[in-house]
Amino acid sequence: MIDSLFIGIPFLMVFLFFGIGIVGTIFWIWMLVDCAMKEPSQGNDKLIWVIIILFTHLLGALLYFFVRRPQRIREYGR
């Protein structure tokens, strides 16, 4: 019984990390597309946010989601 538990734990961890990676990548793509399509083109804001999201992957996507996106929705309504 204990041997089967130790065999199942690594499989579960690999499955869990793979799932987190897939969800993180989908979120990253969603934020990249959202920024590229809906961010207004005033100055270099759009370009800078796309570069931030592109090069910092999940961290940049989270930063955009929690900092810039609510501000953009408040200002422009989209």
N, C-alpha and C. Protein backbone atom coordinates (compact mmCIF):
# COMPACT_ATOMS: atom_id res chain seq x y z
N MET A 1 0.82 -1.19 0.00
CA MET A 1 0.00 0.00 0.00
C MET A 1 0.87 1.26 0.00
N ILE A 2 1.87 1.30 0.86
CA ILE A 2 2.72 2.48 0.93
C ILE A 2 3.57 2.61 -0.34
N ASP A 3 3.99 1.48 -0.92
CA ASP A 3 4.75 1.53 -2.17
C ASP A 3 3.94 2.15 -3.29
N SER A 4 2.68 1.81 -3.40
CA SER A 4 1.84 2.38 -4.45
C SER A 4 1.61 3.88 -4.22
N LEU A 5 1.60 4.31 -2.96
CA LEU A 5 1.45 5.72 -2.66
C LEU A 5 2.67 6.50 -3.13
N PHE A 6 3.86 5.95 -2.90
CA PHE A 6 5.08 6.63 -3.32
C PHE A 6 5.23 6.64 -4.83
N ILE A 7 4.66 5.70 -5.52
CA ILE A 7 4.70 5.68 -6.98
C ILE A 7 3.72 6.71 -7.54
N GLY A 8 2.59 6.89 -6.90
CA GLY A 8 1.56 7.81 -7.38
C GLY A 8 1.87 9.27 -7.15
N ILE A 9 2.65 9.59 -6.12
CA ILE A 9 2.94 10.98 -5.79
C ILE A 9 3.73 11.68 -6.90
N PRO A 10 4.83 11.09 -7.41
CA PRO A 10 5.55 11.78 -8.50
C PRO A 10 4.67 11.97 -9.74
N PHE A 11 3.85 10.98 -10.06
CA PHE A 11 2.96 11.12 -11.22
C PHE A 11 1.98 12.26 -11.00
N LEU A 12 1.44 12.37 -9.80
CA LEU A 12 0.51 13.44 -9.47
C LEU A 12 1.18 14.81 -9.53
N MET A 13 2.41 14.90 -9.06
CA MET A 13 3.13 16.17 -9.09
C MET A 13 3.43 16.60 -10.52
N VAL A 14 3.84 15.66 -11.37
CA VAL A 14 4.11 15.98 -12.77
C VAL A 14 2.82 16.45 -13.44
N PHE A 15 1.72 15.76 -13.21
CA PHE A 15 0.43 16.13 -13.77
C PHE A 15 0.01 17.52 -13.28
N LEU A 16 0.22 17.81 -11.99
CA LEU A 16 -0.14 19.09 -11.40
C LEU A 16 0.68 20.23 -12.02
N PHE A 17 1.99 20.06 -12.10
CA PHE A 17 2.84 21.11 -12.67
C PHE A 17 2.57 21.31 -14.15
N PHE A 18 2.29 20.24 -14.88
CA PHE A 18 1.94 20.35 -16.29
C PHE A 18 0.64 21.13 -16.45
N GLY A 19 -0.33 20.86 -15.60
CA GLY A 19 -1.61 21.58 -15.64
C GLY A 19 -1.44 23.05 -15.32
N ILE A 20 -0.63 23.36 -14.31
CA ILE A 20 -0.37 24.76 -13.96
C ILE A 20 0.33 25.47 -15.11
N GLY A 21 1.25 24.79 -15.76
CA GLY A 21 1.95 25.37 -16.91
C GLY A 21 1.02 25.67 -18.07
N ILE A 22 0.10 24.75 -18.35
CA ILE A 22 -0.86 24.96 -19.43
C ILE A 22 -1.80 26.12 -19.11
N VAL A 23 -2.32 26.16 -17.90
CA VAL A 23 -3.23 27.24 -17.49
C VAL A 23 -2.50 28.59 -17.51
N GLY A 24 -1.26 28.62 -17.04
CA GLY A 24 -0.47 29.85 -17.06
C GLY A 24 -0.21 30.34 -18.48
N THR A 25 0.08 29.43 -19.39
CA THR A 25 0.32 29.80 -20.78
C THR A 25 -0.96 30.32 -21.44
N ILE A 26 -2.09 29.69 -21.17
CA ILE A 26 -3.36 30.16 -21.71
C ILE A 26 -3.68 31.56 -21.19
N PHE A 27 -3.45 31.79 -19.90
CA PHE A 27 -3.67 33.12 -19.32
C PHE A 27 -2.75 34.14 -19.95
N TRP A 28 -1.48 33.78 -20.17
CA TRP A 28 -0.50 34.67 -20.80
C TRP A 28 -0.94 35.07 -22.21
N ILE A 29 -1.38 34.10 -22.98
CA ILE A 29 -1.85 34.37 -24.34
C ILE A 29 -3.08 35.27 -24.30
N TRP A 30 -4.01 35.00 -23.38
CA TRP A 30 -5.22 35.81 -23.25
C TRP A 30 -4.86 37.27 -22.95
N MET A 31 -3.93 37.51 -22.02
CA MET A 31 -3.56 38.87 -21.67
C MET A 31 -2.80 39.54 -22.81
N LEU A 32 -1.98 38.81 -23.53
CA LEU A 32 -1.25 39.35 -24.67
C LEU A 32 -2.21 39.79 -25.77
N VAL A 33 -3.19 38.96 -26.07
CA VAL A 33 -4.19 39.30 -27.08
C VAL A 33 -5.07 40.45 -26.60
N ASP A 34 -5.48 40.43 -25.34
CA ASP A 34 -6.30 41.50 -24.78
C ASP A 34 -5.57 42.84 -24.88
N CYS A 35 -4.31 42.85 -24.54
CA CYS A 35 -3.53 44.09 -24.61
C CYS A 35 -3.37 44.54 -26.05
N ALA A 36 -3.06 43.63 -26.95
CA ALA A 36 -2.82 44.00 -28.35
C ALA A 36 -4.10 44.47 -29.04
N MET A 37 -5.23 43.94 -28.66
CA MET A 37 -6.48 44.27 -29.36
C MET A 37 -7.24 45.44 -28.72
N LYS A 38 -7.20 45.57 -27.41
CA LYS A 38 -8.08 46.53 -26.73
C LYS A 38 -7.37 47.73 -26.12
N GLU A 39 -6.08 47.66 -25.97
CA GLU A 39 -5.34 48.78 -25.38
C GLU A 39 -5.32 49.94 -26.37
N PRO A 40 -5.69 51.15 -25.94
CA PRO A 40 -5.66 52.29 -26.87
C PRO A 40 -4.22 52.63 -27.27
N SER A 41 -4.07 53.12 -28.48
CA SER A 41 -2.74 53.42 -29.01
C SER A 41 -2.36 54.87 -28.75
N GLN A 42 -2.20 55.22 -27.51
CA GLN A 42 -1.78 56.57 -27.14
C GLN A 42 -0.31 56.50 -26.75
N GLY A 43 0.52 57.17 -27.50
CA GLY A 43 1.95 57.12 -27.22
C GLY A 43 2.48 55.73 -27.45
N ASN A 44 3.31 55.30 -26.55
CA ASN A 44 3.91 53.96 -26.66
C ASN A 44 3.36 52.99 -25.61
N ASP A 45 2.26 53.34 -24.96
CA ASP A 45 1.72 52.50 -23.89
C ASP A 45 1.43 51.07 -24.36
N LYS A 46 0.77 50.95 -25.49
CA LYS A 46 0.41 49.63 -26.00
C LYS A 46 1.66 48.80 -26.28
N LEU A 47 2.62 49.38 -26.95
CA LEU A 47 3.86 48.68 -27.28
C LEU A 47 4.62 48.27 -26.03
N ILE A 48 4.70 49.15 -25.07
CA ILE A 48 5.42 48.84 -23.83
C ILE A 48 4.74 47.70 -23.08
N TRP A 49 3.40 47.72 -22.98
CA TRP A 49 2.71 46.64 -22.28
C TRP A 49 2.85 45.31 -23.02
N VAL A 50 2.80 45.33 -24.34
CA VAL A 50 2.98 44.09 -25.10
C VAL A 50 4.38 43.54 -24.86
N ILE A 51 5.40 44.39 -24.85
CA ILE A 51 6.77 43.95 -24.60
C ILE A 51 6.91 43.40 -23.18
N ILE A 52 6.31 44.08 -22.21
CA ILE A 52 6.37 43.60 -20.81
C ILE A 52 5.73 42.22 -20.71
N ILE A 53 4.55 42.06 -21.26
CA ILE A 53 3.85 40.77 -21.19
C ILE A 53 4.63 39.70 -21.95
N LEU A 54 5.16 40.04 -23.10
CA LEU A 54 5.87 39.08 -23.93
C LEU A 54 7.14 38.56 -23.26
N PHE A 55 7.92 39.44 -22.67
CA PHE A 55 9.22 39.03 -22.13
C PHE A 55 9.19 38.57 -20.67
N THR A 56 8.14 38.90 -19.93
CA THR A 56 8.10 38.47 -18.53
C THR A 56 7.07 37.36 -18.29
N HIS A 57 6.46 36.90 -19.35
CA HIS A 57 5.51 35.79 -19.37
C HIS A 57 4.44 35.96 -18.29
N LEU A 58 4.33 35.04 -17.37
CA LEU A 58 3.22 35.03 -16.41
C LEU A 58 3.26 36.24 -15.48
N LEU A 59 4.43 36.65 -15.06
CA LEU A 59 4.55 37.82 -14.17
C LEU A 59 4.02 39.08 -14.86
N GLY A 60 4.38 39.29 -16.10
CA GLY A 60 3.89 40.44 -16.85
C GLY A 60 2.40 40.37 -17.10
N ALA A 61 1.89 39.16 -17.38
CA ALA A 61 0.46 38.99 -17.60
C ALA A 61 -0.32 39.29 -16.33
N LEU A 62 0.17 38.83 -15.20
CA LEU A 62 -0.49 39.12 -13.92
C LEU A 62 -0.43 40.61 -13.61
N LEU A 63 0.70 41.24 -13.87
CA LEU A 63 0.85 42.67 -13.65
C LEU A 63 -0.14 43.45 -14.51
N TYR A 64 -0.25 43.08 -15.77
CA TYR A 64 -1.20 43.74 -16.66
C TYR A 64 -2.63 43.51 -16.19
N PHE A 65 -2.96 42.28 -15.79
CA PHE A 65 -4.32 41.93 -15.38
C PHE A 65 -4.76 42.71 -14.15
N PHE A 66 -3.86 42.87 -13.17
CA PHE A 66 -4.25 43.50 -11.91
C PHE A 66 -3.98 45.01 -11.87
N VAL A 67 -3.08 45.51 -12.71
CA VAL A 67 -2.74 46.93 -12.64
C VAL A 67 -3.34 47.72 -13.80
N ARG A 68 -3.02 47.36 -15.01
CA ARG A 68 -3.42 48.17 -16.17
C ARG A 68 -4.83 47.88 -16.66
N ARG A 69 -5.22 46.63 -16.72
CA ARG A 69 -6.52 46.27 -17.29
C ARG A 69 -7.69 46.94 -16.56
N PRO A 70 -7.75 46.90 -15.22
CA PRO A 70 -8.87 47.60 -14.54
C PRO A 70 -8.85 49.10 -14.80
N GLN A 71 -7.66 49.68 -14.89
CA GLN A 71 -7.56 51.11 -15.17
C GLN A 71 -8.07 51.41 -16.58
N ARG A 72 -7.72 50.57 -17.56
CA ARG A 72 -8.18 50.75 -18.93
C ARG A 72 -9.69 50.61 -19.01
N ILE A 73 -10.26 49.65 -18.33
CA ILE A 73 -11.70 49.42 -18.34
C ILE A 73 -12.43 50.62 -17.71
N ARG A 74 -11.89 51.17 -16.64
CA ARG A 74 -12.48 52.35 -16.01
C ARG A 74 -12.44 53.55 -16.94
N GLU A 75 -11.31 53.75 -17.62
CA GLU A 75 -11.15 54.93 -18.48
C GLU A 75 -11.88 54.83 -19.80
N TYR A 76 -11.80 53.66 -20.44
CA TYR A 76 -12.31 53.52 -21.80
C TYR A 76 -13.53 52.60 -21.91
N GLY A 77 -13.86 51.89 -20.86
CA GLY A 77 -15.03 51.05 -20.86
C GLY A 77 -14.93 49.79 -21.69
N ARG A 78 -13.73 49.37 -22.02
CA ARG A 78 -13.57 48.11 -22.76
C ARG A 78 -12.34 47.38 -22.34
